Amino acid sequence: MDRYQYLLLMGACLALTLPLEFVYGARVWRDPRRLVKVLAIPAAVFAVWDILAIEAGVWDFNPSYVTGWRLPGDLPVEEAAFFVTIPICSILAYEAVRRSLERRSGKRSAGRGTSEALR
């Protein structure tokens, strides 16, 4: 079970923040193409960074806590999941807070109801 810890943690992060989409109307998951555009560049940059660090021996991942499934460049699947999961959770939290504050102040956002974070 330990070898799935990292993936389980990423799943728990998504599961715990997913209700923000519905309770606060965060609208993060409503336009998957826009979400992919937002995530693509930072995920790619961090993946390259990790691959270079792994190749240089700067760091690695404890085999006790990862599945052993590796992507090209010897990047653990769990680390790639991290590069997608944590930004999604952060955007969900940001949108939930923003919408909550808008409701309290009585303001409405312009456009399709999404913030600049996803534009």
C-alpha atoms as a PDB file:
ATOM      1  CA  MET A   1       0.000   0.000   0.000  1.00  0.00           C
ATOM      2  CA  ASP A   2       2.889   2.393   0.707  1.00  0.00           C
ATOM      3  CA  ARG A   3       3.915   2.391  -2.941  1.00  0.00           C
ATOM      4  CA  TYR A   4       0.578   3.996  -3.854  1.00  0.00           C
ATOM      5  CA  GLN A   5       0.845   6.719  -1.213  1.00  0.00           C
ATOM      6  CA  TYR A   6       1.845   9.515  -3.591  1.00  0.00           C
ATOM      7  CA  LEU A   7      -0.947   8.703  -6.072  1.00  0.00           C
ATOM      8  CA  LEU A   8      -3.474   8.351  -3.255  1.00  0.00           C
ATOM      9  CA  LEU A   9      -2.445  11.744  -1.919  1.00  0.00           C
ATOM     10  CA  MET A  10      -2.999  13.329  -5.345  1.00  0.00           C
ATOM     11  CA  GLY A  11      -6.416  11.648  -5.552  1.00  0.00           C
ATOM     12  CA  ALA A  12      -7.308  12.883  -2.067  1.00  0.00           C
ATOM     13  CA  CYS A  13      -6.338  16.440  -3.019  1.00  0.00           C
ATOM     14  CA  LEU A  14      -8.658  16.329  -6.021  1.00  0.00           C
ATOM     15  CA  ALA A  15     -11.456  14.672  -4.053  1.00  0.00           C
ATOM     16  CA  LEU A  16     -11.276  17.241  -1.263  1.00  0.00           C
ATOM     17  CA  THR A  17     -11.303  20.240  -3.582  1.00  0.00           C
ATOM     18  CA  LEU A  18     -13.825  18.920  -6.140  1.00  0.00           C
ATOM     19  CA  PRO A  19     -16.831  20.037  -4.066  1.00  0.00           C
ATOM     20  CA  LEU A  20     -15.640  23.629  -4.508  1.00  0.00           C
ATOM     21  CA  GLU A  21     -16.663  23.294  -8.168  1.00  0.00           C
ATOM     22  CA  PHE A  22     -20.265  22.671  -7.154  1.00  0.00           C
ATOM     23  CA  VAL A  23     -20.694  24.461  -3.825  1.00  0.00           C
ATOM     24  CA  TYR A  24     -19.076  27.733  -4.925  1.00  0.00           C
ATOM     25  CA  GLY A  25     -19.516  27.380  -8.686  1.00  0.00           C
ATOM     26  CA  ALA A  26     -15.771  27.637  -9.279  1.00  0.00           C
ATOM     27  CA  ARG A  27     -16.246  26.649 -12.957  1.00  0.00           C
ATOM     28  CA  VAL A  28     -12.740  25.242 -13.274  1.00  0.00           C
ATOM     29  CA  TRP A  29     -13.794  21.927 -14.824  1.00  0.00           C
ATOM     30  CA  ARG A  30     -16.340  23.455 -17.222  1.00  0.00           C
ATOM     31  CA  ASP A  31     -13.849  24.245 -19.968  1.00  0.00           C
ATOM     32  CA  PRO A  32     -11.278  21.429 -20.114  1.00  0.00           C
ATOM     33  CA  ARG A  33      -9.472  22.937 -23.111  1.00  0.00           C
ATOM     34  CA  ARG A  34      -8.816  26.148 -21.219  1.00  0.00           C
ATOM     35  CA  LEU A  35      -7.683  24.187 -18.166  1.00  0.00           C
ATOM     36  CA  VAL A  36      -5.231  22.196 -20.301  1.00  0.00           C
ATOM     37  CA  LYS A  37      -3.880  25.451 -21.769  1.00  0.00           C
ATOM     38  CA  VAL A  38      -3.314  26.827 -18.265  1.00  0.00           C
ATOM     39  CA  LEU A  39      -1.599  23.666 -17.035  1.00  0.00           C
ATOM     40  CA  ALA A  40       0.475  22.734 -20.090  1.00  0.00           C
ATOM     41  CA  ILE A  41       3.382  25.177 -19.865  1.00  0.00           C
ATOM     42  CA  PRO A  42       4.038  25.005 -16.103  1.00  0.00           C
ATOM     43  CA  ALA A  43       3.690  21.197 -16.104  1.00  0.00           C
ATOM     44  CA  ALA A  44       6.120  20.903 -19.006  1.00  0.00           C
ATOM     45  CA  VAL A  45       8.643  23.244 -17.386  1.00  0.00           C
ATOM     46  CA  PHE A  46       8.557  21.401 -14.076  1.00  0.00           C
ATOM     47  CA  ALA A  47       8.707  17.998 -15.792  1.00  0.00           C
ATOM     48  CA  VAL A  48      11.854  19.033 -17.675  1.00  0.00           C
ATOM     49  CA  TRP A  49      13.290  20.460 -14.453  1.00  0.00           C
ATOM     50  CA  ASP A  50      12.640  17.194 -12.613  1.00  0.00           C
ATOM     51  CA  ILE A  51      14.028  15.067 -15.439  1.00  0.00           C
ATOM     52  CA  LEU A  52      17.222  17.111 -15.509  1.00  0.00           C
ATOM     53  CA  ALA A  53      17.551  16.901 -11.716  1.00  0.00           C
ATOM     54  CA  ILE A  54      16.990  13.129 -11.777  1.00  0.00           C
ATOM     55  CA  GLU A  55      19.563  12.671 -14.557  1.00  0.00           C
ATOM     56  CA  ALA A  56      22.077  14.832 -12.668  1.00  0.00           C
ATOM     57  CA  GLY A  57      21.531  12.806  -9.492  1.00  0.00           C
ATOM     58  CA  VAL A  58      20.286  15.862  -7.598  1.00  0.00           C
ATOM     59  CA  TRP A  59      17.209  14.010  -6.433  1.00  0.00           C
ATOM     60  CA  ASP A  60      15.148  10.906  -6.867  1.00  0.00           C
ATOM     61  CA  PHE A  61      12.030   9.376  -5.399  1.00  0.00           C
ATOM     62  CA  ASN A  62      11.889   6.814  -2.635  1.00  0.00           C
ATOM     63  CA  PRO A  63      10.808   3.558  -4.308  1.00  0.00           C
ATOM     64  CA  SER A  64       8.854   2.637  -1.185  1.00  0.00           C
ATOM     65  CA  TYR A  65       6.336   5.428  -1.887  1.00  0.00           C
ATOM     66  CA  VAL A  66       5.994   5.366  -5.669  1.00  0.00           C
ATOM     67  CA  THR A  67       4.554   2.705  -7.951  1.00  0.00           C
ATOM     68  CA  GLY A  68       7.667   2.355 -10.075  1.00  0.00           C
ATOM     69  CA  TRP A  69       5.778   3.423 -13.191  1.00  0.00           C
ATOM     70  CA  ARG A  70       8.045   5.845 -15.002  1.00  0.00           C
ATOM     71  CA  LEU A  71       7.483   8.199 -17.904  1.00  0.00           C
ATOM     72  CA  PRO A  72      10.137   9.136 -20.460  1.00  0.00           C
ATOM     73  CA  GLY A  73      13.105  10.743 -18.765  1.00  0.00           C
ATOM     74  CA  ASP A  74      12.652   8.431 -15.756  1.00  0.00           C
ATOM     75  CA  LEU A  75       9.965  10.763 -14.358  1.00  0.00           C
ATOM     76  CA  PRO A  76       7.658   8.962 -11.918  1.00  0.00           C
ATOM     77  CA  VAL A  77       3.988   8.981 -12.896  1.00  0.00           C
ATOM     78  CA  GLU A  78       3.196  10.364  -9.452  1.00  0.00           C
ATOM     79  CA  GLU A  79       5.349  13.426 -10.047  1.00  0.00           C
ATOM     80  CA  ALA A  80       3.588  14.141 -13.346  1.00  0.00           C
ATOM     81  CA  ALA A  81       0.268  13.785 -11.499  1.00  0.00           C
ATOM     82  CA  PHE A  82       1.528  16.317  -8.949  1.00  0.00           C
ATOM     83  CA  PHE A  83       2.221  18.864 -11.712  1.00  0.00           C
ATOM     84  CA  VAL A  84      -1.432  18.659 -12.782  1.00  0.00           C
ATOM     85  CA  THR A  85      -3.232  17.996  -9.504  1.00  0.00           C
ATOM     86  CA  ILE A  86      -1.816  20.730  -7.305  1.00  0.00           C
ATOM     87  CA  PRO A  87      -2.435  23.563  -9.796  1.00  0.00           C
ATOM     88  CA  ILE A  88      -6.012  22.344 -10.329  1.00  0.00           C
ATOM     89  CA  CYS A  89      -6.599  22.276  -6.575  1.00  0.00           C
ATOM     90  CA  SER A  90      -5.073  25.741  -6.255  1.00  0.00           C
ATOM     91  CA  ILE A  91      -7.240  27.179  -9.027  1.00  0.00           C
ATOM     92  CA  LEU A  92     -10.337  25.578  -7.479  1.00  0.00           C
ATOM     93  CA  ALA A  93      -9.519  27.119  -4.096  1.00  0.00           C
ATOM     94  CA  TYR A  94      -8.793  30.516  -5.662  1.00  0.00           C
ATOM     95  CA  GLU A  95     -12.036  30.520  -7.640  1.00  0.00           C
ATOM     96  CA  ALA A  96     -14.063  29.424  -4.615  1.00  0.00           C
ATOM     97  CA  VAL A  97     -12.647  32.236  -2.482  1.00  0.00           C
ATOM     98  CA  ARG A  98     -13.093  34.781  -5.279  1.00  0.00           C
ATOM     99  CA  ARG A  99     -16.708  33.783  -5.874  1.00  0.00           C
ATOM    100  CA  SER A 100     -17.425  33.720  -2.147  1.00  0.00           C
ATOM    101  CA  LEU A 101     -16.062  37.255  -1.781  1.00  0.00           C
ATOM    102  CA  GLU A 102     -18.073  38.377  -4.819  1.00  0.00           C
ATOM    103  CA  ARG A 103     -21.243  37.012  -3.254  1.00  0.00           C
ATOM    104  CA  ARG A 104     -20.525  38.774   0.017  1.00  0.00           C
ATOM    105  CA  SER A 105     -19.938  42.083  -1.716  1.00  0.00           C
ATOM    106  CA  GLY A 106     -22.815  41.625  -4.159  1.00  0.00           C
ATOM    107  CA  LYS A 107     -20.545  41.951  -7.201  1.00  0.00           C
ATOM    108  CA  ARG A 108     -20.663  39.716 -10.240  1.00  0.00           C
ATOM    109  CA  SER A 109     -17.779  38.876 -12.528  1.00  0.00           C
ATOM    110  CA  ALA A 110     -17.898  39.856 -16.161  1.00  0.00           C
ATOM    111  CA  GLY A 111     -17.869  37.386 -19.008  1.00  0.00           C
ATOM    112  CA  ARG A 112     -18.558  33.702 -18.639  1.00  0.00           C
ATOM    113  CA  GLY A 113     -17.953  33.735 -14.908  1.00  0.00           C
ATOM    114  CA  THR A 114     -14.325  32.687 -14.901  1.00  0.00           C
ATOM    115  CA  SER A 115     -11.447  34.629 -13.467  1.00  0.00           C
ATOM    116  CA  GLU A 116      -8.325  35.823 -15.173  1.00  0.00           C
ATOM    117  CA  ALA A 117      -6.546  32.737 -13.803  1.00  0.00           C
ATOM    118  CA  LEU A 118      -8.185  30.612 -16.486  1.00  0.00           C
ATOM    119  CA  ARG A 119      -8.177  33.076 -19.379  1.00  0.00           C
END
